[in-house]
Amino acid sequence: MDSITYKQNYIVKPGDVDFHKKLKLSSIMNILQELAVFGAEYLNFGKDKTLDKGYLWVFSKLEIDIFRYPEYLEEIKLATYPNQIMHFIYPRTFEIKDKDDNLIIKAKSLWCLIDANSRRILSPKESGINPVSLIKVEKIKGIDVKDAKIVQMRKVRYSDLDINKHVNNIRYLEYIIDLFDSDYLSNHIIKNINMIFHHEIKEHDLVKINASIDKSYYVFFVNDNGQDKKVFECNIEFE
């Protein structure tokens, strides 16, 4: 596995933490996204073979288990490796450990490669992107769907967009976190988050954010020819 695993050390910076001086959930997402990029470059499936050819990596599913939140200025060890391809799905695993090699965060993810113009999903045969891995991805939990009512409307702005010109994956999570106040999050620590990205959200979209009463299930909709189109779902588990 070492031959396909990208590793780096990381020091938790001031901009990575909240007022508790612990790594923010959005910062964890950012670290994972950057690790995926570096991991692809490490395996020689980087920018020149994807972005430069008009291919874009997009999340399909992501599950994060948090056993402990790293703290301000803590040095942590990051690692990522690809899992065995499933048809047109590219699984990838992430691990974050402390300096003593204790696992403190683990994430399992499923990715697709799409054509930037048509937004069509590409097969490994079409793209030529086929990392060799015999490691099967661990099962990602299904979403526990609950009744949810609209709690907020958010219009997508320029700062929400990423290199693919759609809402960055981190912003989905920040939309949810912003629904809580600091007191609630001080007493309800998130230990697991499970996300499914159904469709991309674009600039000027008006996002309808729905939440369950127990604040464990979230679903986003955008208007599509007069109909609500489901674009994102999420489960959150608190300690």
Protein backbone atom coordinates (compact mmCIF):
# COMPACT_ATOMS: atom_id res chain seq x y z
CA MET A 1 0.00 0.00 0.00
CA ASP A 2 2.91 2.36 0.65
CA SER A 3 3.64 2.63 -3.06
CA ILE A 4 0.23 4.21 -3.74
CA THR A 5 -0.08 6.21 -0.50
CA TYR A 6 0.65 9.91 -0.50
CA LYS A 7 1.81 11.23 2.88
CA GLN A 8 2.67 14.61 4.35
CA ASN A 9 3.00 16.28 7.72
CA TYR A 10 0.82 19.27 8.52
CA ILE A 11 0.80 21.89 11.27
CA VAL A 12 -2.64 23.17 12.24
CA LYS A 13 -2.63 26.90 11.43
CA PRO A 14 -4.56 29.79 13.02
CA GLY A 15 -6.99 29.96 10.11
CA ASP A 16 -7.78 26.24 10.48
CA VAL A 17 -9.27 26.42 13.97
CA ASP A 18 -12.37 27.72 15.74
CA PHE A 19 -12.54 29.68 19.00
CA HIS A 20 -11.94 26.43 20.91
CA LYS A 21 -8.57 26.27 19.09
CA LYS A 22 -9.61 22.98 17.46
CA LEU A 23 -9.59 22.10 13.77
CA LYS A 24 -12.84 23.24 12.13
CA LEU A 25 -14.93 20.75 10.18
CA SER A 26 -14.59 22.94 7.08
CA SER A 27 -10.80 22.85 7.52
CA ILE A 28 -10.93 19.05 7.63
CA MET A 29 -12.83 19.12 4.33
CA ASN A 30 -10.27 21.48 2.84
CA ILE A 31 -7.41 19.23 3.92
CA LEU A 32 -9.12 16.21 2.34
CA GLN A 33 -9.71 18.03 -0.94
CA GLU A 34 -6.09 19.14 -1.12
CA LEU A 35 -4.88 15.65 -0.19
CA ALA A 36 -6.91 14.19 -3.06
CA VAL A 37 -5.21 16.58 -5.49
CA PHE A 38 -1.74 15.79 -4.16
CA GLY A 39 -2.54 12.08 -4.13
CA ALA A 40 -3.53 12.16 -7.80
CA GLU A 41 -0.37 14.10 -8.70
CA TYR A 42 1.69 11.55 -6.75
CA LEU A 43 0.25 8.74 -8.89
CA ASN A 44 0.85 10.72 -12.11
CA PHE A 45 -2.88 11.33 -12.67
CA GLY A 46 -2.68 15.04 -11.98
CA LYS A 47 -3.58 18.31 -13.64
CA ASP A 48 -1.97 17.56 -17.00
CA LYS A 49 -4.08 14.41 -17.42
CA THR A 50 -7.34 15.80 -16.02
CA LEU A 51 -7.92 19.55 -15.72
CA ASP A 52 -5.79 20.44 -18.74
CA LYS A 53 -7.88 18.01 -20.82
CA GLY A 54 -11.18 19.38 -19.57
CA TYR A 55 -11.81 16.66 -16.98
CA LEU A 56 -13.03 17.52 -13.47
CA TRP A 57 -12.98 15.49 -10.26
CA VAL A 58 -16.25 15.69 -8.29
CA PHE A 59 -17.35 14.13 -5.00
CA SER A 60 -20.16 11.60 -5.09
CA LYS A 61 -20.12 10.47 -1.45
CA LEU A 62 -18.04 11.28 1.60
CA GLU A 63 -18.11 9.92 5.15
CA ILE A 64 -15.86 11.35 7.86
CA ASP A 65 -15.28 9.77 11.27
CA ILE A 66 -13.72 12.10 13.84
CA PHE A 67 -12.24 10.43 16.92
CA ARG A 68 -10.50 13.59 18.11
CA TYR A 69 -10.16 17.11 16.73
CA PRO A 70 -6.54 18.25 16.20
CA GLU A 71 -5.61 21.44 18.03
CA TYR A 72 -3.95 24.74 17.14
CA LEU A 73 -0.26 24.29 16.17
CA GLU A 74 -0.49 20.52 16.56
CA GLU A 75 1.57 18.58 14.03
CA ILE A 76 -0.48 15.86 12.36
CA LYS A 77 0.26 13.21 9.75
CA LEU A 78 -1.86 13.08 6.60
CA ALA A 79 -2.21 10.14 4.23
CA THR A 80 -4.41 9.18 1.30
CA TYR A 81 -4.59 6.27 -1.10
CA PRO A 82 -6.92 5.18 -3.93
CA ASN A 83 -9.13 2.15 -3.57
CA GLN A 84 -10.18 -0.36 -6.19
CA ILE A 85 -12.20 1.32 -8.97
CA MET A 86 -15.92 0.41 -9.14
CA HIS A 87 -17.09 0.82 -12.74
CA PHE A 88 -16.86 4.63 -13.18
CA ILE A 89 -16.49 5.40 -9.45
CA TYR A 90 -13.06 6.23 -8.00
CA PRO A 91 -12.95 5.49 -4.24
CA ARG A 92 -10.30 7.16 -2.08
CA THR A 93 -9.47 6.78 1.63
CA PHE A 94 -7.97 9.44 3.91
CA GLU A 95 -6.29 9.08 7.30
CA ILE A 96 -5.15 11.73 9.76
CA LYS A 97 -2.96 10.64 12.65
CA ASP A 98 -1.28 12.40 15.55
CA LYS A 99 2.49 12.49 16.03
CA ASP A 100 2.31 9.12 17.83
CA ASP A 101 0.49 7.50 14.88
CA ASN A 102 -2.87 7.34 16.62
CA LEU A 103 -5.71 7.55 14.09
CA ILE A 104 -7.78 10.64 14.90
CA ILE A 105 -9.76 11.17 11.66
CA LYS A 106 -10.67 8.77 8.87
CA ALA A 107 -12.64 9.49 5.70
CA LYS A 108 -14.00 7.32 2.90
CA SER A 109 -14.95 8.94 -0.37
CA LEU A 110 -16.32 8.18 -3.82
CA TRP A 111 -15.41 10.37 -6.79
CA CYS A 112 -16.41 10.70 -10.42
CA LEU A 113 -14.53 12.22 -13.32
CA ILE A 114 -16.71 14.39 -15.55
CA ASP A 115 -16.34 16.28 -18.81
CA ALA A 116 -16.17 20.01 -18.00
CA ASN A 117 -18.35 21.01 -20.95
CA SER A 118 -21.02 18.31 -21.11
CA ARG A 119 -20.93 17.43 -17.38
CA ARG A 120 -21.04 13.79 -18.50
CA ILE A 121 -19.44 11.15 -16.27
CA LEU A 122 -16.37 9.59 -17.87
CA SER A 123 -15.35 5.94 -17.59
CA PRO A 124 -11.73 5.01 -16.77
CA LYS A 125 -11.41 3.71 -20.33
CA GLU A 126 -12.47 7.08 -21.77
CA SER A 127 -10.32 9.19 -19.48
CA GLY A 128 -7.28 6.95 -19.27
CA ILE A 129 -7.27 7.53 -15.49
CA ASN A 130 -6.97 4.10 -13.91
CA PRO A 131 -4.93 4.01 -10.68
CA VAL A 132 -3.96 0.47 -9.71
CA SER A 133 -5.19 -0.54 -6.27
CA LEU A 134 -6.30 -3.87 -4.84
CA ILE A 135 -7.71 -2.28 -1.68
CA LYS A 136 -11.51 -2.30 -1.60
CA VAL A 137 -13.11 0.77 -0.09
CA GLU A 138 -14.82 0.26 3.25
CA LYS A 139 -18.60 0.55 3.08
CA ILE A 140 -19.98 4.06 3.38
CA LYS A 141 -23.14 4.29 5.45
CA GLY A 142 -26.42 5.05 3.75
CA ILE A 143 -28.29 8.26 4.50
CA ASP A 144 -30.94 8.05 7.22
CA VAL A 145 -33.72 10.07 5.58
CA LYS A 146 -36.06 11.95 7.92
CA ASP A 147 -38.81 14.51 7.57
CA ALA A 148 -37.16 17.88 7.03
CA LYS A 149 -38.53 21.40 6.85
CA ILE A 150 -37.01 24.43 5.19
CA VAL A 151 -34.87 26.43 7.61
CA GLN A 152 -32.99 28.79 5.32
CA MET A 153 -32.66 30.06 1.74
CA ARG A 154 -29.21 30.96 0.44
CA LYS A 155 -28.33 32.47 -2.90
CA VAL A 156 -25.07 31.25 -4.39
CA ARG A 157 -22.48 34.01 -4.69
CA TYR A 158 -19.12 34.33 -6.39
CA SER A 159 -17.17 33.41 -3.24
CA ASP A 160 -19.02 30.07 -3.03
CA LEU A 161 -17.57 28.90 -6.35
CA ASP A 162 -14.46 26.78 -6.91
CA ILE A 163 -12.17 25.88 -9.79
CA ASN A 164 -15.01 23.89 -11.39
CA LYS A 165 -17.28 26.99 -11.27
CA HIS A 166 -19.81 25.35 -8.99
CA VAL A 167 -20.34 25.52 -5.23
CA ASN A 168 -17.29 24.13 -3.48
CA ASN A 169 -17.87 21.00 -1.40
CA ILE A 170 -16.66 22.83 1.69
CA ARG A 171 -19.41 25.43 1.32
CA TYR A 172 -22.13 22.74 1.53
CA LEU A 173 -20.86 21.88 4.97
CA GLU A 174 -20.42 25.51 6.00
CA TYR A 175 -24.04 26.21 5.02
CA ILE A 176 -25.07 23.60 7.60
CA ILE A 177 -22.62 24.63 10.33
CA ASP A 178 -23.79 28.24 10.01
CA LEU A 179 -27.26 27.12 11.11
CA PHE A 180 -25.89 26.49 14.61
CA ASP A 181 -24.69 29.02 17.13
CA SER A 182 -21.45 28.73 19.10
CA ASP A 183 -23.18 27.56 22.30
CA TYR A 184 -24.84 24.64 20.52
CA LEU A 185 -21.62 23.52 18.85
CA SER A 186 -19.73 23.85 22.14
CA ASN A 187 -22.07 21.27 23.67
CA HIS A 188 -22.73 19.08 20.61
CA ILE A 189 -19.50 17.78 19.12
CA ILE A 190 -19.78 16.31 15.63
CA LYS A 191 -18.20 12.84 15.47
CA ASN A 192 -19.48 11.57 12.12
CA ILE A 193 -20.72 13.27 8.97
CA ASN A 194 -22.03 11.47 5.92
CA MET A 195 -22.69 13.34 2.65
CA ILE A 196 -24.14 12.52 -0.76
CA PHE A 197 -23.68 14.99 -3.61
CA HIS A 198 -26.51 14.40 -6.10
CA HIS A 199 -26.08 17.40 -8.41
CA GLU A 200 -23.86 20.46 -8.60
CA ILE A 201 -25.05 23.86 -7.38
CA LYS A 202 -24.23 26.80 -9.62
CA GLU A 203 -23.83 30.55 -9.36
CA HIS A 204 -27.14 32.44 -8.78
CA ASP A 205 -28.95 29.27 -7.65
CA LEU A 206 -31.26 29.78 -4.70
CA VAL A 207 -30.60 26.91 -2.31
CA LYS A 208 -33.41 25.67 -0.07
CA ILE A 209 -31.82 24.18 3.05
CA ASN A 210 -34.05 21.72 4.89
CA ALA A 211 -33.34 20.19 8.30
CA SER A 212 -34.94 17.54 10.50
CA ILE A 213 -36.22 18.47 13.95
CA ASP A 214 -33.38 16.60 15.67
CA LYS A 215 -30.82 18.40 13.45
CA SER A 216 -29.30 15.15 12.21
CA TYR A 217 -30.57 15.17 8.60
CA TYR A 218 -30.16 17.91 5.99
CA VAL A 219 -31.25 18.09 2.38
CA PHE A 220 -30.70 20.89 -0.17
CA PHE A 221 -32.93 21.71 -3.13
CA VAL A 222 -32.61 24.13 -6.04
CA ASN A 223 -35.26 25.17 -8.54
CA ASP A 224 -35.17 23.28 -11.83
CA ASN A 225 -37.88 24.38 -14.29
CA GLY A 226 -40.31 25.07 -11.48
CA GLN A 227 -39.55 21.86 -9.58
CA ASP A 228 -37.44 21.28 -6.48
CA LYS A 229 -34.36 19.27 -7.45
CA LYS A 230 -32.52 17.45 -4.67
CA VAL A 231 -28.83 18.36 -4.87
CA PHE A 232 -27.34 17.29 -1.54
CA GLU A 233 -28.08 15.16 1.53
CA CYS A 234 -26.26 14.87 4.81
CA ASN A 235 -26.42 13.02 8.13
CA ILE A 236 -24.65 14.34 11.23
CA GLU A 237 -23.92 12.36 14.39
CA PHE A 238 -23.09 14.20 17.60
CA GLU A 239 -21.27 12.88 20.63
